[in-house]
Amino acid sequence: MSSESSQPTQGFGVLADRVDGEPPAILGLTTSELLLVALTTGLVLLPLLLAIAAAVDIGSVVLALTGFIFMAGIYVGALIFRRLKRGHPMGHYQVKFAVLMQRLFGGNRFLLRSGYWSLGRTRHPGTRAGG
């Protein structure tokens, strides 16, 4: 019996790329990211489009263009997310966003202090404990 028959995955390398993550659905976005982009686009564009329609007094044209404008917002959101995710591990931008929210609004989920950290075993850094 050869060693090839005992190991059927030999030569294939890693078969699954992102085992624990969501698979990309549309334009490289996962379903949760697509939902976030769609909600953000809707919350930003709906008041803007209503204001434009009221100011220009052509509501039917703006209403007809809403779908195309919404799809353009999804496309731009996908471009932004691809740039945020490029070269980083899964969940990187979620952690960066959480740290940004902690810095803006407070909280204690992450340690944000930089500087000298000690174990408290010596009185001064660089001195020996016995002398």
C-alpha atoms as a PDB file:
ATOM      1  CA  MET A   1       0.000   0.000   0.000  1.00  0.00           C
ATOM      2  CA  SER A   2       1.408   3.392  -0.929  1.00  0.00           C
ATOM      3  CA  SER A   3       1.322   6.520   1.176  1.00  0.00           C
ATOM      4  CA  GLU A   4      -0.819   8.267  -1.457  1.00  0.00           C
ATOM      5  CA  SER A   5      -3.836   6.078  -0.775  1.00  0.00           C
ATOM      6  CA  SER A   6      -3.608   6.588   3.000  1.00  0.00           C
ATOM      7  CA  GLN A   7      -3.716  10.388   2.682  1.00  0.00           C
ATOM      8  CA  PRO A   8      -6.378  11.385   0.140  1.00  0.00           C
ATOM      9  CA  THR A   9      -5.820  15.149   0.552  1.00  0.00           C
ATOM     10  CA  GLN A  10      -2.074  14.991  -0.074  1.00  0.00           C
ATOM     11  CA  GLY A  11      -1.090  17.419  -2.810  1.00  0.00           C
ATOM     12  CA  PHE A  12      -4.241  19.522  -2.523  1.00  0.00           C
ATOM     13  CA  GLY A  13      -3.036  21.824   0.268  1.00  0.00           C
ATOM     14  CA  VAL A  14      -5.695  23.616   2.248  1.00  0.00           C
ATOM     15  CA  LEU A  15      -9.116  22.934   0.756  1.00  0.00           C
ATOM     16  CA  ALA A  16     -11.095  25.560   2.642  1.00  0.00           C
ATOM     17  CA  ASP A  17      -9.929  29.160   2.534  1.00  0.00           C
ATOM     18  CA  ARG A  18     -12.065  30.778   5.226  1.00  0.00           C
ATOM     19  CA  VAL A  19     -13.344  28.006   7.422  1.00  0.00           C
ATOM     20  CA  ASP A  20     -14.899  30.034  10.236  1.00  0.00           C
ATOM     21  CA  GLY A  21     -16.018  33.108   8.289  1.00  0.00           C
ATOM     22  CA  GLU A  22     -19.056  34.030   6.281  1.00  0.00           C
ATOM     23  CA  PRO A  23     -18.703  33.399   2.566  1.00  0.00           C
ATOM     24  CA  PRO A  24     -18.750  36.428   0.257  1.00  0.00           C
ATOM     25  CA  ALA A  25     -22.171  36.998  -1.298  1.00  0.00           C
ATOM     26  CA  ILE A  26     -22.207  40.053  -3.567  1.00  0.00           C
ATOM     27  CA  LEU A  27     -19.216  42.167  -4.684  1.00  0.00           C
ATOM     28  CA  GLY A  28     -17.028  40.559  -2.006  1.00  0.00           C
ATOM     29  CA  LEU A  29     -19.418  41.507   0.811  1.00  0.00           C
ATOM     30  CA  THR A  30     -20.772  38.939   3.208  1.00  0.00           C
ATOM     31  CA  THR A  31     -24.502  38.984   3.920  1.00  0.00           C
ATOM     32  CA  SER A  32     -24.085  40.883   7.188  1.00  0.00           C
ATOM     33  CA  GLU A  33     -21.820  43.465   5.525  1.00  0.00           C
ATOM     34  CA  LEU A  34     -24.289  43.800   2.640  1.00  0.00           C
ATOM     35  CA  LEU A  35     -27.088  44.434   5.131  1.00  0.00           C
ATOM     36  CA  LEU A  36     -24.968  47.075   6.894  1.00  0.00           C
ATOM     37  CA  VAL A  37     -24.121  48.810   3.619  1.00  0.00           C
ATOM     38  CA  ALA A  38     -27.752  48.684   2.455  1.00  0.00           C
ATOM     39  CA  LEU A  39     -29.069  50.140   5.726  1.00  0.00           C
ATOM     40  CA  THR A  40     -26.412  52.863   5.776  1.00  0.00           C
ATOM     41  CA  THR A  41     -27.070  53.723   2.146  1.00  0.00           C
ATOM     42  CA  GLY A  42     -30.811  53.886   2.777  1.00  0.00           C
ATOM     43  CA  LEU A  43     -30.457  56.010   5.911  1.00  0.00           C
ATOM     44  CA  VAL A  44     -28.115  58.439   4.178  1.00  0.00           C
ATOM     45  CA  LEU A  45     -29.726  58.588   0.741  1.00  0.00           C
ATOM     46  CA  LEU A  46     -33.428  58.637   1.636  1.00  0.00           C
ATOM     47  CA  PRO A  47     -33.405  62.041   3.384  1.00  0.00           C
ATOM     48  CA  LEU A  48     -31.001  63.403   0.771  1.00  0.00           C
ATOM     49  CA  LEU A  49     -33.182  62.276  -2.128  1.00  0.00           C
ATOM     50  CA  LEU A  50     -36.338  63.603  -0.456  1.00  0.00           C
ATOM     51  CA  ALA A  51     -34.675  66.981   0.049  1.00  0.00           C
ATOM     52  CA  ILE A  52     -33.569  67.079  -3.591  1.00  0.00           C
ATOM     53  CA  ALA A  53     -37.043  66.095  -4.783  1.00  0.00           C
ATOM     54  CA  ALA A  54     -38.658  68.830  -2.669  1.00  0.00           C
ATOM     55  CA  ALA A  55     -36.154  71.467  -3.752  1.00  0.00           C
ATOM     56  CA  VAL A  56     -36.291  70.727  -7.468  1.00  0.00           C
ATOM     57  CA  ASP A  57     -40.008  69.772  -7.476  1.00  0.00           C
ATOM     58  CA  ILE A  58     -39.477  66.763  -9.707  1.00  0.00           C
ATOM     59  CA  GLY A  59     -40.321  63.984  -7.288  1.00  0.00           C
ATOM     60  CA  SER A  60     -41.203  61.424  -9.957  1.00  0.00           C
ATOM     61  CA  VAL A  61     -37.790  61.644 -11.625  1.00  0.00           C
ATOM     62  CA  VAL A  62     -35.955  61.351  -8.320  1.00  0.00           C
ATOM     63  CA  LEU A  63     -38.205  58.436  -7.361  1.00  0.00           C
ATOM     64  CA  ALA A  64     -37.365  56.710 -10.629  1.00  0.00           C
ATOM     65  CA  LEU A  65     -33.648  57.232 -10.092  1.00  0.00           C
ATOM     66  CA  THR A  66     -33.723  56.047  -6.475  1.00  0.00           C
ATOM     67  CA  GLY A  67     -33.068  52.425  -7.400  1.00  0.00           C
ATOM     68  CA  PHE A  68     -30.046  53.284  -9.506  1.00  0.00           C
ATOM     69  CA  ILE A  69     -28.695  55.641  -6.863  1.00  0.00           C
ATOM     70  CA  PHE A  70     -29.206  52.955  -4.207  1.00  0.00           C
ATOM     71  CA  MET A  71     -27.308  50.386  -6.311  1.00  0.00           C
ATOM     72  CA  ALA A  72     -24.492  52.905  -6.786  1.00  0.00           C
ATOM     73  CA  GLY A  73     -24.373  53.347  -2.993  1.00  0.00           C
ATOM     74  CA  ILE A  74     -24.087  49.571  -2.546  1.00  0.00           C
ATOM     75  CA  TYR A  75     -21.268  49.491  -5.107  1.00  0.00           C
ATOM     76  CA  VAL A  76     -19.366  52.327  -3.388  1.00  0.00           C
ATOM     77  CA  GLY A  77     -19.892  50.643  -0.003  1.00  0.00           C
ATOM     78  CA  ALA A  78     -18.485  47.391  -1.410  1.00  0.00           C
ATOM     79  CA  LEU A  79     -15.423  49.258  -2.693  1.00  0.00           C
ATOM     80  CA  ILE A  80     -14.880  50.791   0.750  1.00  0.00           C
ATOM     81  CA  PHE A  81     -15.263  47.439   2.528  1.00  0.00           C
ATOM     82  CA  ARG A  82     -12.868  45.714   0.108  1.00  0.00           C
ATOM     83  CA  ARG A  83     -10.256  48.374   0.807  1.00  0.00           C
ATOM     84  CA  LEU A  84     -10.808  48.053   4.585  1.00  0.00           C
ATOM     85  CA  LYS A  85     -10.473  44.265   4.487  1.00  0.00           C
ATOM     86  CA  ARG A  86      -7.516  44.009   2.105  1.00  0.00           C
ATOM     87  CA  GLY A  87      -4.482  42.411   3.735  1.00  0.00           C
ATOM     88  CA  HIS A  88      -6.049  42.098   7.189  1.00  0.00           C
ATOM     89  CA  PRO A  89      -7.432  39.082   9.073  1.00  0.00           C
ATOM     90  CA  MET A  90     -11.147  38.452   9.335  1.00  0.00           C
ATOM     91  CA  GLY A  91     -12.860  40.791  11.789  1.00  0.00           C
ATOM     92  CA  HIS A  92     -10.095  43.406  11.699  1.00  0.00           C
ATOM     93  CA  TYR A  93     -12.343  46.305  10.747  1.00  0.00           C
ATOM     94  CA  GLN A  94     -14.940  45.330  13.376  1.00  0.00           C
ATOM     95  CA  VAL A  95     -12.298  45.600  16.118  1.00  0.00           C
ATOM     96  CA  LYS A  96     -11.003  48.902  14.719  1.00  0.00           C
ATOM     97  CA  PHE A  97     -14.579  50.250  14.682  1.00  0.00           C
ATOM     98  CA  ALA A  98     -15.188  49.068  18.257  1.00  0.00           C
ATOM     99  CA  VAL A  99     -11.969  50.774  19.442  1.00  0.00           C
ATOM    100  CA  LEU A 100     -13.007  53.982  17.645  1.00  0.00           C
ATOM    101  CA  MET A 101     -16.435  53.888  19.343  1.00  0.00           C
ATOM    102  CA  GLN A 102     -14.762  53.304  22.725  1.00  0.00           C
ATOM    103  CA  ARG A 103     -12.485  56.302  22.192  1.00  0.00           C
ATOM    104  CA  LEU A 104     -15.425  58.495  21.155  1.00  0.00           C
ATOM    105  CA  PHE A 105     -18.061  57.375  23.662  1.00  0.00           C
ATOM    106  CA  GLY A 106     -16.106  55.676  26.456  1.00  0.00           C
ATOM    107  CA  GLY A 107     -16.260  52.161  27.765  1.00  0.00           C
ATOM    108  CA  ASN A 108     -13.830  49.581  29.046  1.00  0.00           C
ATOM    109  CA  ARG A 109     -13.827  46.739  26.536  1.00  0.00           C
ATOM    110  CA  PHE A 110     -10.272  47.311  25.257  1.00  0.00           C
ATOM    111  CA  LEU A 111      -7.041  48.422  26.955  1.00  0.00           C
ATOM    112  CA  LEU A 112      -6.029  51.591  25.138  1.00  0.00           C
ATOM    113  CA  ARG A 113      -3.033  52.627  27.253  1.00  0.00           C
ATOM    114  CA  SER A 114       0.441  52.704  25.816  1.00  0.00           C
ATOM    115  CA  GLY A 115       3.661  53.231  27.693  1.00  0.00           C
ATOM    116  CA  TYR A 116       5.713  51.386  30.284  1.00  0.00           C
ATOM    117  CA  TRP A 117       4.007  48.353  31.812  1.00  0.00           C
ATOM    118  CA  SER A 118       5.579  46.561  34.747  1.00  0.00           C
ATOM    119  CA  LEU A 119       4.743  43.552  36.847  1.00  0.00           C
ATOM    120  CA  GLY A 120       5.192  45.502  40.050  1.00  0.00           C
ATOM    121  CA  ARG A 121       8.052  43.299  41.244  1.00  0.00           C
ATOM    122  CA  THR A 122      10.750  45.976  41.187  1.00  0.00           C
ATOM    123  CA  ARG A 123      10.799  49.528  42.440  1.00  0.00           C
ATOM    124  CA  HIS A 124      12.555  50.972  39.425  1.00  0.00           C
ATOM    125  CA  PRO A 125      12.931  49.561  35.937  1.00  0.00           C
ATOM    126  CA  GLY A 126      16.326  47.994  35.353  1.00  0.00           C
ATOM    127  CA  THR A 127      17.222  47.297  39.016  1.00  0.00           C
ATOM    128  CA  ARG A 128      17.678  43.829  40.364  1.00  0.00           C
ATOM    129  CA  ALA A 129      15.171  42.450  42.832  1.00  0.00           C
ATOM    130  CA  GLY A 130      17.855  41.388  45.383  1.00  0.00           C
ATOM    131  CA  GLY A 131      19.905  44.525  45.518  1.00  0.00           C
END
